[in-house]
Amino acid sequence: MAKISIDHDYCQAHGRCYARFPALFDADEEGKAVVTGDGTLPEATEESEITGVCPEAAITVS
């Protein structure tokens, strides 16, 4: 089961991830992305869909 994670050192709070995938991401008090739920990649979602939305490459799936 693949897990989504965010490297907060790279996140620049563009908001693209939580705008595109509101069920998977939310924003913290600084506007940086946080993974919601248990961080499991939904079965019908490709890794590249999730990782490609971040211009800073802060999102990884492993």
N, C-alpha and C. Protein backbone atom coordinates (compact mmCIF):
# COMPACT_ATOMS: atom_id res chain seq x y z
N MET A 1 0.84 -1.16 0.00
CA MET A 1 0.00 0.00 0.00
C MET A 1 0.90 1.24 0.00
N ALA A 2 0.74 2.07 -1.02
CA ALA A 2 1.57 3.26 -1.19
C ALA A 2 1.10 4.38 -0.28
N LYS A 3 2.07 5.10 0.28
CA LYS A 3 1.78 6.21 1.19
C LYS A 3 2.27 7.53 0.61
N ILE A 4 1.48 8.57 0.80
CA ILE A 4 1.80 9.91 0.35
C ILE A 4 2.49 10.64 1.50
N SER A 5 3.56 11.38 1.16
CA SER A 5 4.20 12.21 2.18
C SER A 5 4.64 13.53 1.56
N ILE A 6 4.86 14.51 2.42
CA ILE A 6 5.26 15.84 1.98
C ILE A 6 6.53 16.24 2.71
N ASP A 7 7.50 16.74 1.97
CA ASP A 7 8.72 17.28 2.56
C ASP A 7 8.48 18.77 2.79
N HIS A 8 8.26 19.14 4.04
CA HIS A 8 7.93 20.53 4.35
C HIS A 8 9.09 21.50 4.11
N ASP A 9 10.30 20.99 3.96
CA ASP A 9 11.43 21.86 3.61
C ASP A 9 11.30 22.35 2.17
N TYR A 10 10.62 21.59 1.33
CA TYR A 10 10.45 21.96 -0.08
C TYR A 10 9.11 22.63 -0.38
N CYS A 11 8.08 22.35 0.43
CA CYS A 11 6.76 22.91 0.19
C CYS A 11 6.80 24.43 0.29
N GLN A 12 6.28 25.10 -0.73
CA GLN A 12 6.25 26.56 -0.78
C GLN A 12 4.83 27.12 -0.69
N ALA A 13 3.87 26.29 -0.32
CA ALA A 13 2.48 26.68 -0.08
C ALA A 13 1.80 27.22 -1.34
N HIS A 14 2.08 26.62 -2.48
CA HIS A 14 1.38 27.01 -3.71
C HIS A 14 -0.10 26.65 -3.65
N GLY A 15 -0.43 25.56 -2.96
CA GLY A 15 -1.83 25.16 -2.79
C GLY A 15 -2.38 24.31 -3.91
N ARG A 16 -1.57 23.94 -4.87
CA ARG A 16 -2.07 23.14 -5.99
C ARG A 16 -2.54 21.76 -5.56
N CYS A 17 -1.85 21.16 -4.61
CA CYS A 17 -2.21 19.81 -4.18
C CYS A 17 -3.57 19.79 -3.50
N TYR A 18 -3.79 20.69 -2.56
CA TYR A 18 -5.09 20.66 -1.88
C TYR A 18 -6.20 21.26 -2.71
N ALA A 19 -5.88 22.06 -3.70
CA ALA A 19 -6.92 22.53 -4.63
C ALA A 19 -7.35 21.40 -5.56
N ARG A 20 -6.40 20.60 -6.02
CA ARG A 20 -6.69 19.51 -6.97
C ARG A 20 -7.18 18.25 -6.28
N PHE A 21 -6.65 17.97 -5.08
CA PHE A 21 -6.98 16.73 -4.35
C PHE A 21 -7.40 17.07 -2.92
N PRO A 22 -8.55 17.72 -2.74
CA PRO A 22 -8.96 18.13 -1.40
C PRO A 22 -9.23 16.96 -0.44
N ALA A 23 -9.45 15.79 -0.95
CA ALA A 23 -9.67 14.62 -0.08
C ALA A 23 -8.35 14.07 0.46
N LEU A 24 -7.22 14.46 -0.15
CA LEU A 24 -5.92 13.93 0.25
C LEU A 24 -5.04 14.93 0.99
N PHE A 25 -5.27 16.23 0.75
CA PHE A 25 -4.42 17.26 1.32
C PHE A 25 -5.23 18.37 1.95
N ASP A 26 -4.61 19.05 2.89
CA ASP A 26 -5.17 20.25 3.50
C ASP A 26 -3.99 21.19 3.73
N ALA A 27 -4.27 22.37 4.28
CA ALA A 27 -3.21 23.34 4.54
C ALA A 27 -3.04 23.53 6.05
N ASP A 28 -1.79 23.74 6.46
CA ASP A 28 -1.55 24.07 7.86
C ASP A 28 -1.68 25.57 8.06
N GLU A 29 -1.36 26.08 9.21
CA GLU A 29 -1.53 27.50 9.52
C GLU A 29 -0.64 28.41 8.68
N GLU A 30 0.41 27.87 8.06
CA GLU A 30 1.29 28.65 7.18
C GLU A 30 0.91 28.49 5.71
N GLY A 31 -0.12 27.68 5.43
CA GLY A 31 -0.53 27.44 4.06
C GLY A 31 0.20 26.28 3.40
N LYS A 32 1.11 25.65 4.14
CA LYS A 32 1.84 24.49 3.60
C LYS A 32 0.94 23.26 3.66
N ALA A 33 1.16 22.38 2.72
CA ALA A 33 0.32 21.19 2.59
C ALA A 33 0.58 20.18 3.70
N VAL A 34 -0.50 19.52 4.10
CA VAL A 34 -0.43 18.39 5.01
C VAL A 34 -1.29 17.27 4.41
N VAL A 35 -0.87 16.06 4.62
CA VAL A 35 -1.62 14.90 4.14
C VAL A 35 -2.74 14.63 5.13
N THR A 36 -3.94 14.40 4.62
CA THR A 36 -5.08 14.09 5.49
C THR A 36 -5.29 12.58 5.55
N GLY A 37 -6.03 12.17 6.53
CA GLY A 37 -6.30 10.73 6.68
C GLY A 37 -5.03 9.97 6.99
N ASP A 38 -4.98 8.74 6.51
CA ASP A 38 -3.80 7.91 6.79
C ASP A 38 -2.73 8.02 5.71
N GLY A 39 -2.96 8.85 4.69
CA GLY A 39 -1.95 9.08 3.65
C GLY A 39 -1.84 8.00 2.60
N THR A 40 -2.81 7.09 2.56
CA THR A 40 -2.77 6.02 1.58
C THR A 40 -3.19 6.54 0.21
N LEU A 41 -2.41 6.20 -0.80
CA LEU A 41 -2.73 6.57 -2.18
C LEU A 41 -3.98 5.80 -2.61
N PRO A 42 -5.03 6.51 -3.05
CA PRO A 42 -6.23 5.81 -3.52
C PRO A 42 -5.91 4.88 -4.70
N GLU A 43 -6.57 3.74 -4.74
CA GLU A 43 -6.30 2.73 -5.76
C GLU A 43 -6.42 3.24 -7.19
N ALA A 44 -7.39 4.08 -7.45
CA ALA A 44 -7.64 4.55 -8.82
C ALA A 44 -6.76 5.74 -9.20
N THR A 45 -5.80 6.10 -8.35
CA THR A 45 -4.96 7.27 -8.60
C THR A 45 -3.53 6.85 -8.92
N GLU A 46 -2.99 7.41 -9.98
CA GLU A 46 -1.60 7.15 -10.35
C GLU A 46 -0.67 8.01 -9.50
N GLU A 47 0.49 7.48 -9.13
CA GLU A 47 1.46 8.24 -8.36
C GLU A 47 1.82 9.55 -9.05
N SER A 48 1.99 9.52 -10.37
CA SER A 48 2.40 10.71 -11.10
C SER A 48 1.35 11.82 -11.05
N GLU A 49 0.08 11.46 -10.88
CA GLU A 49 -0.97 12.47 -10.74
C GLU A 49 -0.74 13.29 -9.47
N ILE A 50 -0.38 12.60 -8.41
CA ILE A 50 -0.18 13.25 -7.12
C ILE A 50 1.14 14.00 -7.10
N THR A 51 2.22 13.34 -7.44
CA THR A 51 3.54 13.98 -7.36
C THR A 51 3.70 15.10 -8.39
N GLY A 52 3.06 14.98 -9.53
CA GLY A 52 3.20 15.98 -10.58
C GLY A 52 2.49 17.28 -10.33
N VAL A 53 1.59 17.31 -9.37
CA VAL A 53 0.85 18.54 -9.09
C VAL A 53 1.71 19.57 -8.34
N CYS A 54 2.78 19.13 -7.71
CA CYS A 54 3.63 20.02 -6.91
C CYS A 54 4.81 20.55 -7.72
N PRO A 55 4.89 21.87 -7.94
CA PRO A 55 6.00 22.43 -8.72
C PRO A 55 7.34 22.35 -7.98
N GLU A 56 7.32 22.13 -6.68
CA GLU A 56 8.54 22.04 -5.89
C GLU A 56 9.00 20.60 -5.64
N ALA A 57 8.25 19.63 -6.17
CA ALA A 57 8.53 18.20 -5.98
C ALA A 57 8.59 17.84 -4.49
N ALA A 58 7.70 18.45 -3.70
CA ALA A 58 7.67 18.18 -2.26
C ALA A 58 6.86 16.94 -1.91
N ILE A 59 6.06 16.45 -2.86
CA ILE A 59 5.20 15.30 -2.60
C ILE A 59 5.88 14.04 -3.12
N THR A 60 5.92 13.01 -2.29
CA THR A 60 6.44 11.72 -2.69
C THR A 60 5.42 10.64 -2.35
N VAL A 61 5.50 9.55 -3.09
CA VAL A 61 4.67 8.38 -2.83
C VAL A 61 5.62 7.20 -2.75
N SER A 62 5.53 6.48 -1.64
CA SER A 62 6.43 5.32 -1.47
C SER A 62 5.69 4.14 -0.89
